[in-house]
């Protein structure tokens, strides 16, 4: 068990024991409602990319995937050729 900055013990997931006990006494409906409320608030704080930035980063990812695929293909063909030479197939 880890202690908080104020010396109180913390339980699982870093939640204080008091908060964990409070969570057990609340109904499932209250917990689910709080979860979705906090989730919604968190989504509003996200800094979503603008259209241009989204297109640019997508193109970078696609270029990386193509480059990596070509690299793997080249290594595969080199190893295949080397094995054919060694095994005489």
PDB file of N, CA and C in Angstrom:
ATOM      1  N   UNK A   1       0.841  -1.179   0.000  1.00  0.00           N
ATOM      2  CA  UNK A   1       0.000   0.000   0.000  1.00  0.00           C
ATOM      3  C   UNK A   1       0.885   1.242   0.000  1.00  0.00           C
ATOM      4  N   UNK A   2       0.555   2.192  -0.819  1.00  0.00           N
ATOM      5  CA  UNK A   2       1.332   3.417  -0.978  1.00  0.00           C
ATOM      6  C   UNK A   2       0.657   4.534  -0.203  1.00  0.00           C
ATOM      7  N   UNK A   3       1.466   5.453   0.311  1.00  0.00           N
ATOM      8  CA  UNK A   3       0.893   6.575   1.048  1.00  0.00           C
ATOM      9  C   UNK A   3       0.785   7.796   0.159  1.00  0.00           C
ATOM     10  N   UNK A   4      -0.265   8.567   0.362  1.00  0.00           N
ATOM     11  CA  UNK A   4      -0.438   9.827  -0.351  1.00  0.00           C
ATOM     12  C   UNK A   4       0.488  10.867   0.250  1.00  0.00           C
ATOM     13  N   UNK A   5       0.533  12.036  -0.375  1.00  0.00           N
ATOM     14  CA  UNK A   5       1.368  13.115   0.133  1.00  0.00           C
ATOM     15  C   UNK A   5       0.987  13.519   1.547  1.00  0.00           C
ATOM     16  N   UNK A   6      -0.282  13.327   1.905  1.00  0.00           N
ATOM     17  CA  UNK A   6      -0.728  13.701   3.256  1.00  0.00           C
ATOM     18  C   UNK A   6      -0.594  12.538   4.235  1.00  0.00           C
ATOM     19  N   UNK A   7       0.029  11.425   3.792  1.00  0.00           N
ATOM     20  CA  UNK A   7       0.273  10.301   4.688  1.00  0.00           C
ATOM     21  C   UNK A   7      -0.844   9.275   4.743  1.00  0.00           C
ATOM     22  N   UNK A   8      -1.979   9.547   4.062  1.00  0.00           N
ATOM     23  CA  UNK A   8      -3.063   8.563   4.078  1.00  0.00           C
ATOM     24  C   UNK A   8      -2.728   7.421   3.131  1.00  0.00           C
ATOM     25  N   UNK A   9      -3.066   6.185   3.524  1.00  0.00           N
ATOM     26  CA  UNK A   9      -2.779   5.054   2.641  1.00  0.00           C
ATOM     27  C   UNK A   9      -3.664   5.098   1.400  1.00  0.00           C
ATOM     28  N   UNK A  10      -3.091   4.610   0.282  1.00  0.00           N
ATOM     29  CA  UNK A  10      -3.833   4.557  -0.972  1.00  0.00           C
ATOM     30  C   UNK A  10      -4.091   3.095  -1.305  1.00  0.00           C
ATOM     31  N   UNK A  11      -5.249   2.839  -1.843  1.00  0.00           N
ATOM     32  CA  UNK A  11      -5.620   1.483  -2.232  1.00  0.00           C
ATOM     33  C   UNK A  11      -5.318   1.222  -3.690  1.00  0.00           C
ATOM     34  N   UNK A  12      -6.043   0.314  -4.240  1.00  0.00           N
ATOM     35  CA  UNK A  12      -5.856  -0.084  -5.631  1.00  0.00           C
ATOM     36  C   UNK A  12      -6.154   1.093  -6.553  1.00  0.00           C
ATOM     37  N   UNK A  13      -5.444   1.190  -7.669  1.00  0.00           N
ATOM     38  CA  UNK A  13      -5.584   2.247  -8.664  1.00  0.00           C
ATOM     39  C   UNK A  13      -5.291   3.620  -8.091  1.00  0.00           C
ATOM     40  N   UNK A  14      -4.526   3.709  -7.032  1.00  0.00           N
ATOM     41  CA  UNK A  14      -4.126   4.987  -6.474  1.00  0.00           C
ATOM     42  C   UNK A  14      -5.242   5.727  -5.767  1.00  0.00           C
ATOM     43  N   UNK A  15      -6.356   5.079  -5.515  1.00  0.00           N
ATOM     44  CA  UNK A  15      -7.493   5.731  -4.868  1.00  0.00           C
ATOM     45  C   UNK A  15      -7.315   5.643  -3.357  1.00  0.00           C
ATOM     46  N   UNK A  16      -7.608   6.731  -2.666  1.00  0.00           N
ATOM     47  CA  UNK A  16      -7.489   6.689  -1.218  1.00  0.00           C
ATOM     48  C   UNK A  16      -8.506   5.704  -0.662  1.00  0.00           C
ATOM     49  N   UNK A  17      -8.185   5.152   0.492  1.00  0.00           N
ATOM     50  CA  UNK A  17      -9.082   4.175   1.113  1.00  0.00           C
ATOM     51  C   UNK A  17     -10.454   4.787   1.398  1.00  0.00           C
ATOM     52  N   UNK A  18     -10.473   6.079   1.784  1.00  0.00           N
ATOM     53  CA  UNK A  18     -11.754   6.748   2.045  1.00  0.00           C
ATOM     54  C   UNK A  18     -12.594   6.798   0.777  1.00  0.00           C
ATOM     55  N   UNK A  19     -11.964   7.162  -0.336  1.00  0.00           N
ATOM     56  CA  UNK A  19     -12.661   7.265  -1.613  1.00  0.00           C
ATOM     57  C   UNK A  19     -13.129   5.880  -2.065  1.00  0.00           C
ATOM     58  N   UNK A  20     -12.303   4.864  -1.844  1.00  0.00           N
ATOM     59  CA  UNK A  20     -12.674   3.500  -2.228  1.00  0.00           C
ATOM     60  C   UNK A  20     -13.881   3.042  -1.416  1.00  0.00           C
ATOM     61  N   UNK A  21     -13.889   3.334  -0.127  1.00  0.00           N
ATOM     62  CA  UNK A  21     -15.022   2.947   0.713  1.00  0.00           C
ATOM     63  C   UNK A  21     -16.278   3.681   0.283  1.00  0.00           C
ATOM     64  N   UNK A  22     -16.130   4.958  -0.063  1.00  0.00           N
ATOM     65  CA  UNK A  22     -17.273   5.745  -0.525  1.00  0.00           C
ATOM     66  C   UNK A  22     -17.826   5.136  -1.812  1.00  0.00           C
ATOM     67  N   UNK A  23     -16.943   4.675  -2.705  1.00  0.00           N
ATOM     68  CA  UNK A  23     -17.366   4.063  -3.960  1.00  0.00           C
ATOM     69  C   UNK A  23     -18.136   2.781  -3.736  1.00  0.00           C
ATOM     70  N   UNK A  24     -17.789   2.032  -2.702  1.00  0.00           N
ATOM     71  CA  UNK A  24     -18.488   0.775  -2.415  1.00  0.00           C
ATOM     72  C   UNK A  24     -19.898   1.026  -1.900  1.00  0.00           C
ATOM     73  N   UNK A  25     -20.092   2.134  -1.201  1.00  0.00           N
ATOM     74  CA  UNK A  25     -21.403   2.389  -0.609  1.00  0.00           C
ATOM     75  C   UNK A  25     -22.369   3.029  -1.612  1.00  0.00           C
ATOM     76  N   UNK A  26     -21.860   3.539  -2.737  1.00  0.00           N
ATOM     77  CA  UNK A  26     -22.712   4.162  -3.742  1.00  0.00           C
ATOM     78  C   UNK A  26     -23.297   3.093  -4.653  1.00  0.00           C
ATOM     79  N   UNK A  27     -24.398   3.428  -5.296  1.00  0.00           N
ATOM     80  CA  UNK A  27     -25.038   2.456  -6.166  1.00  0.00           C
ATOM     81  C   UNK A  27     -24.288   2.353  -7.486  1.00  0.00           C
ATOM     82  N   UNK A  28     -24.535   1.275  -8.184  1.00  0.00           N
ATOM     83  CA  UNK A  28     -23.915   1.062  -9.489  1.00  0.00           C
ATOM     84  C   UNK A  28     -24.355   2.161 -10.448  1.00  0.00           C
ATOM     85  N   UNK A  29     -25.614   2.551 -10.365  1.00  0.00           N
ATOM     86  CA  UNK A  29     -26.140   3.611 -11.233  1.00  0.00           C
ATOM     87  C   UNK A  29     -25.375   4.913 -11.015  1.00  0.00           C
ATOM     88  N   UNK A  30     -25.100   5.251  -9.748  1.00  0.00           N
ATOM     89  CA  UNK A  30     -24.349   6.471  -9.443  1.00  0.00           C
ATOM     90  C   UNK A  30     -22.929   6.388  -9.997  1.00  0.00           C
ATOM     91  N   UNK A  31     -22.293   5.220  -9.839  1.00  0.00           N
ATOM     92  CA  UNK A  31     -20.929   5.047 -10.341  1.00  0.00           C
ATOM     93  C   UNK A  31     -20.873   5.152 -11.857  1.00  0.00           C
ATOM     94  N   UNK A  32     -21.822   4.524 -12.542  1.00  0.00           N
ATOM     95  CA  UNK A  32     -21.856   4.574 -13.999  1.00  0.00           C
ATOM     96  C   UNK A  32     -22.140   5.995 -14.464  1.00  0.00           C
ATOM     97  N   UNK A  33     -23.072   6.652 -13.808  1.00  0.00           N
ATOM     98  CA  UNK A  33     -23.409   8.025 -14.163  1.00  0.00           C
ATOM     99  C   UNK A  33     -22.198   8.939 -13.994  1.00  0.00           C
ATOM    100  N   UNK A  34     -21.487   8.784 -12.889  1.00  0.00           N
ATOM    101  CA  UNK A  34     -20.297   9.600 -12.646  1.00  0.00           C
ATOM    102  C   UNK A  34     -19.222   9.315 -13.686  1.00  0.00           C
ATOM    103  N   UNK A  35     -19.065   8.044 -14.037  1.00  0.00           N
ATOM    104  CA  UNK A  35     -18.063   7.673 -15.043  1.00  0.00           C
ATOM    105  C   UNK A  35     -18.329   8.382 -16.365  1.00  0.00           C
ATOM    106  N   UNK A  36     -19.572   8.318 -16.858  1.00  0.00           N
ATOM    107  CA  UNK A  36     -19.886   8.941 -18.137  1.00  0.00           C
ATOM    108  C   UNK A  36     -19.826  10.463 -18.056  1.00  0.00           C
ATOM    109  N   UNK A  37     -20.168  11.015 -16.936  1.00  0.00           N
ATOM    110  CA  UNK A  37     -20.074  12.458 -16.758  1.00  0.00           C
ATOM    111  C   UNK A  37     -18.613  12.914 -16.825  1.00  0.00           C
ATOM    112  N   UNK A  38     -17.734  12.212 -16.115  1.00  0.00           N
ATOM    113  CA  UNK A  38     -16.313  12.542 -16.127  1.00  0.00           C
ATOM    114  C   UNK A  38     -15.710  12.277 -17.507  1.00  0.00           C
ATOM    115  N   UNK A  39     -16.164  11.211 -18.156  1.00  0.00           N
ATOM    116  CA  UNK A  39     -15.681  10.874 -19.489  1.00  0.00           C
ATOM    117  C   UNK A  39     -16.036  11.972 -20.485  1.00  0.00           C
ATOM    118  N   UNK A  40     -17.248  12.465 -20.415  1.00  0.00           N
ATOM    119  CA  UNK A  40     -17.695  13.542 -21.295  1.00  0.00           C
ATOM    120  C   UNK A  40     -16.879  14.811 -21.062  1.00  0.00           C
ATOM    121  N   UNK A  41     -16.654  15.134 -19.813  1.00  0.00           N
ATOM    122  CA  UNK A  41     -15.862  16.324 -19.482  1.00  0.00           C
ATOM    123  C   UNK A  41     -14.438  16.186 -20.009  1.00  0.00           C
ATOM    124  N   UNK A  42     -13.882  14.988 -19.928  1.00  0.00           N
ATOM    125  CA  UNK A  42     -12.520  14.753 -20.409  1.00  0.00           C
ATOM    126  C   UNK A  42     -12.445  14.918 -21.927  1.00  0.00           C
ATOM    127  N   UNK A  43     -13.451  14.459 -22.639  1.00  0.00           N
ATOM    128  CA  UNK A  43     -13.459  14.594 -24.096  1.00  0.00           C
ATOM    129  C   UNK A  43     -13.504  16.054 -24.525  1.00  0.00           C
ATOM    130  N   UNK A  44     -14.127  16.902 -23.736  1.00  0.00           N
ATOM    131  CA  UNK A  44     -14.179  18.323 -24.072  1.00  0.00           C
ATOM    132  C   UNK A  44     -12.830  19.011 -23.871  1.00  0.00           C
ATOM    133  N   UNK A  45     -11.962  18.423 -23.046  1.00  0.00           N
ATOM    134  CA  UNK A  45     -10.645  19.006 -22.799  1.00  0.00           C
ATOM    135  C   UNK A  45      -9.604  18.564 -23.823  1.00  0.00           C
ATOM    136  N   UNK A  46      -9.936  17.588 -24.663  1.00  0.00           N
ATOM    137  CA  UNK A  46      -8.986  17.071 -25.643  1.00  0.00           C
ATOM    138  C   UNK A  46      -8.751  18.116 -26.727  1.00  0.00           C
ATOM    139  N   UNK A  47      -7.504  18.259 -27.116  1.00  0.00           N
ATOM    140  CA  UNK A  47      -7.147  19.169 -28.198  1.00  0.00           C
ATOM    141  C   UNK A  47      -7.152  18.359 -29.497  1.00  0.00           C
ATOM    142  N   UNK A  48      -8.258  18.400 -30.226  1.00  0.00           N
ATOM    143  CA  UNK A  48      -8.396  17.625 -31.451  1.00  0.00           C
ATOM    144  C   UNK A  48      -7.631  18.313 -32.571  1.00  0.00           C
ATOM    145  N   UNK A  49      -6.990  17.534 -33.468  1.00  0.00           N
ATOM    146  CA  UNK A  49      -6.226  18.145 -34.561  1.00  0.00           C
ATOM    147  C   UNK A  49      -7.142  18.787 -35.602  1.00  0.00           C
ATOM    148  N   UNK A  50      -6.644  19.839 -36.230  1.00  0.00           N
ATOM    149  CA  UNK A  50      -7.379  20.486 -37.311  1.00  0.00           C
ATOM    150  C   UNK A  50      -7.236  19.634 -38.573  1.00  0.00           C
ATOM    151  N   UNK A  51      -8.020  19.939 -39.589  1.00  0.00           N
ATOM    152  CA  UNK A  51      -8.037  19.151 -40.819  1.00  0.00           C
ATOM    153  C   UNK A  51      -6.682  19.023 -41.488  1.00  0.00           C
ATOM    154  N   UNK A  52      -5.957  20.139 -41.628  1.00  0.00           N
ATOM    155  CA  UNK A  52      -4.657  20.129 -42.289  1.00  0.00           C
ATOM    156  C   UNK A  52      -3.660  19.268 -41.509  1.00  0.00           C
ATOM    157  N   UNK A  53      -3.636  19.439 -40.196  1.00  0.00           N
ATOM    158  CA  UNK A  53      -2.723  18.661 -39.358  1.00  0.00           C
ATOM    159  C   UNK A  53      -3.058  17.170 -39.444  1.00  0.00           C
ATOM    160  N   UNK A  54      -4.335  16.846 -39.476  1.00  0.00           N
ATOM    161  CA  UNK A  54      -4.770  15.458 -39.567  1.00  0.00           C
ATOM    162  C   UNK A  54      -4.303  14.832 -40.875  1.00  0.00           C
ATOM    163  N   UNK A  55      -4.457  15.556 -41.980  1.00  0.00           N
ATOM    164  CA  UNK A  55      -4.023  15.052 -43.286  1.00  0.00           C
ATOM    165  C   UNK A  55      -2.505  14.875 -43.305  1.00  0.00           C
ATOM    166  N   UNK A  56      -1.777  15.852 -42.788  1.00  0.00           N
ATOM    167  CA  UNK A  56      -0.309  15.775 -42.790  1.00  0.00           C
ATOM    168  C   UNK A  56       0.196  14.587 -41.976  1.00  0.00           C
ATOM    169  N   UNK A  57      -0.334  14.410 -40.789  1.00  0.00           N
ATOM    170  CA  UNK A  57       0.140  13.304 -39.954  1.00  0.00           C
ATOM    171  C   UNK A  57      -0.280  11.962 -40.540  1.00  0.00           C
ATOM    172  N   UNK A  58      -1.448  11.913 -41.180  1.00  0.00           N
ATOM    173  CA  UNK A  58      -1.884  10.677 -41.834  1.00  0.00           C
ATOM    174  C   UNK A  58      -0.927  10.320 -42.965  1.00  0.00           C
ATOM    175  N   UNK A  59      -0.524  11.322 -43.757  1.00  0.00           N
ATOM    176  CA  UNK A  59       0.415  11.076 -44.845  1.00  0.00           C
ATOM    177  C   UNK A  59       1.774  10.621 -44.325  1.00  0.00           C
ATOM    178  N   UNK A  60       2.215  11.185 -43.219  1.00  0.00           N
ATOM    179  CA  UNK A  60       3.484  10.758 -42.615  1.00  0.00           C
ATOM    180  C   UNK A  60       3.392   9.300 -42.186  1.00  0.00           C
ATOM    181  N   UNK A  61       2.300   8.926 -41.561  1.00  0.00           N
ATOM    182  CA  UNK A  61       2.127   7.535 -41.116  1.00  0.00           C
ATOM    183  C   UNK A  61       2.089   6.599 -42.317  1.00  0.00           C
ATOM    184  N   UNK A  62       1.351   6.961 -43.355  1.00  0.00           N
ATOM    185  CA  UNK A  62       1.273   6.118 -44.549  1.00  0.00           C
ATOM    186  C   UNK A  62       2.638   5.983 -45.220  1.00  0.00           C
ATOM    187  N   UNK A  63       3.396   7.082 -45.310  1.00  0.00           N
ATOM    188  CA  UNK A  63       4.743   7.034 -45.897  1.00  0.00           C
ATOM    189  C   UNK A  63       5.650   6.119 -45.070  1.00  0.00           C
ATOM    190  N   UNK A  64       5.542   6.207 -43.754  1.00  0.00           N
ATOM    191  CA  UNK A  64       6.341   5.340 -42.882  1.00  0.00           C
ATOM    192  C   UNK A  64       5.990   3.878 -43.109  1.00  0.00           C
ATOM    193  N   UNK A  65       4.704   3.573 -43.233  1.00  0.00           N
ATOM    194  CA  UNK A  65       4.259   2.192 -43.449  1.00  0.00           C
ATOM    195  C   UNK A  65       4.783   1.673 -44.783  1.00  0.00           C
ATOM    196  N   UNK A  66       4.691   2.490 -45.830  1.00  0.00           N
ATOM    197  CA  UNK A  66       5.193   2.080 -47.137  1.00  0.00           C
ATOM    198  C   UNK A  66       6.706   1.848 -47.068  1.00  0.00           C
ATOM    199  N   UNK A  67       7.427   2.767 -46.448  1.00  0.00           N
ATOM    200  CA  UNK A  67       8.878   2.623 -46.316  1.00  0.00           C
ATOM    201  C   UNK A  67       9.259   1.372 -45.540  1.00  0.00           C
ATOM    202  N   UNK A  68       8.575   1.124 -44.458  1.00  0.00           N
ATOM    203  CA  UNK A  68       8.860  -0.064 -43.654  1.00  0.00           C
ATOM    204  C   UNK A  68       8.527  -1.335 -44.428  1.00  0.00           C
ATOM    205  N   UNK A  69       7.439  -1.314 -45.185  1.00  0.00           N
ATOM    206  CA  UNK A  69       7.053  -2.478 -45.991  1.00  0.00           C
ATOM    207  C   UNK A  69       8.105  -2.779 -47.050  1.00  0.00           C
ATOM    208  N   UNK A  70       8.601  -1.739 -47.710  1.00  0.00           N
ATOM    209  CA  UNK A  70       9.638  -1.927 -48.724  1.00  0.00           C
ATOM    210  C   UNK A  70      10.914  -2.466 -48.074  1.00  0.00           C
ATOM    211  N   UNK A  71      11.278  -1.944 -46.904  1.00  0.00           N
ATOM    212  CA  UNK A  71      12.464  -2.419 -46.195  1.00  0.00           C
ATOM    213  C   UNK A  71      12.338  -3.896 -45.842  1.00  0.00           C
ATOM    214  N   UNK A  72      11.189  -4.299 -45.334  1.00  0.00           N
ATOM    215  CA  UNK A  72      10.965  -5.699 -44.983  1.00  0.00           C
ATOM    216  C   UNK A  72      11.015  -6.568 -46.236  1.00  0.00           C
ATOM    217  N   UNK A  73      10.423  -6.089 -47.327  1.00  0.00           N
ATOM    218  CA  UNK A  73      10.449  -6.835 -48.585  1.00  0.00           C
ATOM    219  C   UNK A  73      11.879  -7.041 -49.070  1.00  0.00           C
ATOM    220  N   UNK A  74      12.697  -5.988 -49.025  1.00  0.00           N
ATOM    221  CA  UNK A  74      14.090  -6.095 -49.473  1.00  0.00           C
ATOM    222  C   UNK A  74      14.848  -7.099 -48.611  1.00  0.00           C
ATOM    223  N   UNK A  75      14.726  -7.004 -47.288  1.00  0.00           N
ATOM    224  CA  UNK A  75      15.400  -7.961 -46.410  1.00  0.00           C
ATOM    225  C   UNK A  75      14.916  -9.378 -46.664  1.00  0.00           C
ATOM    226  N   UNK A  76      13.625  -9.550 -46.885  1.00  0.00           N
ATOM    227  CA  UNK A  76      13.068 -10.867 -47.152  1.00  0.00           C
ATOM    228  C   UNK A  76      13.676 -11.449 -48.425  1.00  0.00           C
ATOM    229  N   UNK A  77      13.763 -10.641 -49.476  1.00  0.00           N
ATOM    230  CA  UNK A  77      14.317 -11.121 -50.746  1.00  0.00           C
ATOM    231  C   UNK A  77      15.807 -11.433 -50.624  1.00  0.00           C
ATOM    232  N   UNK A  78      16.548 -10.621 -49.879  1.00  0.00           N
ATOM    233  CA  UNK A  78      17.980 -10.879 -49.673  1.00  0.00           C
ATOM    234  C   UNK A  78      18.172 -12.188 -48.921  1.00  0.00           C
ATOM    235  N   UNK A  79      17.402 -12.391 -47.868  1.00  0.00           N
ATOM    236  CA  UNK A  79      17.515 -13.632 -47.088  1.00  0.00           C
ATOM    237  C   UNK A  79      17.082 -14.822 -47.942  1.00  0.00           C
ATOM    238  N   UNK A  80      16.034 -14.661 -48.712  1.00  0.00           N
ATOM    239  CA  UNK A  80      15.572 -15.736 -49.588  1.00  0.00           C
ATOM    240  C   UNK A  80      16.670 -16.113 -50.588  1.00  0.00           C
ATOM    241  N   UNK A  81      17.284 -15.114 -51.212  1.00  0.00           N
ATOM    242  CA  UNK A  81      18.361 -15.359 -52.172  1.00  0.00           C
ATOM    243  C   UNK A  81      19.551 -16.044 -51.493  1.00  0.00           C
ATOM    244  N   UNK A  82      19.929 -15.588 -50.328  1.00  0.00           N
ATOM    245  CA  UNK A  82      21.050 -16.186 -49.594  1.00  0.00           C
ATOM    246  C   UNK A  82      20.758 -17.648 -49.258  1.00  0.00           C
ATOM    247  N   UNK A  83      19.540 -17.940 -48.831  1.00  0.00           N
ATOM    248  CA  UNK A  83      19.183 -19.326 -48.498  1.00  0.00           C
ATOM    249  C   UNK A  83      19.198 -20.211 -49.748  1.00  0.00           C
ATOM    250  N   UNK A  84      18.756 -19.675 -50.877  1.00  0.00           N
ATOM    251  CA  UNK A  84      18.794 -20.454 -52.126  1.00  0.00           C
ATOM    252  C   UNK A  84      20.229 -20.778 -52.506  1.00  0.00           C
ATOM    253  N   UNK A  85      21.143 -19.816 -52.300  1.00  0.00           N
ATOM    254  CA  UNK A  85      22.546 -20.074 -52.615  1.00  0.00           C
ATOM    255  C   UNK A  85      23.139 -21.131 -51.676  1.00  0.00           C
ATOM    256  N   UNK A  86      22.819 -21.016 -50.377  1.00  0.00           N
ATOM    257  CA  UNK A  86      23.385 -21.935 -49.388  1.00  0.00           C
ATOM    258  C   UNK A  86      22.796 -23.336 -49.548  1.00  0.00           C
ATOM    259  N   UNK A  87      21.500 -23.425 -49.746  1.00  0.00           N
ATOM    260  CA  UNK A  87      20.835 -24.728 -49.824  1.00  0.00           C
ATOM    261  C   UNK A  87      20.866 -25.318 -51.234  1.00  0.00           C
ATOM    262  N   UNK A  88      21.227 -24.517 -52.220  1.00  0.00           N
ATOM    263  CA  UNK A  88      21.338 -25.013 -53.578  1.00  0.00           C
ATOM    264  C   UNK A  88      20.002 -25.318 -54.239  1.00  0.00           C
ATOM    265  N   UNK A  89      18.986 -24.624 -53.820  1.00  0.00           N
ATOM    266  CA  UNK A  89      17.657 -24.916 -54.394  1.00  0.00           C
ATOM    267  C   UNK A  89      17.411 -24.160 -55.663  1.00  0.00           C
TER     268      UNK A  89
END
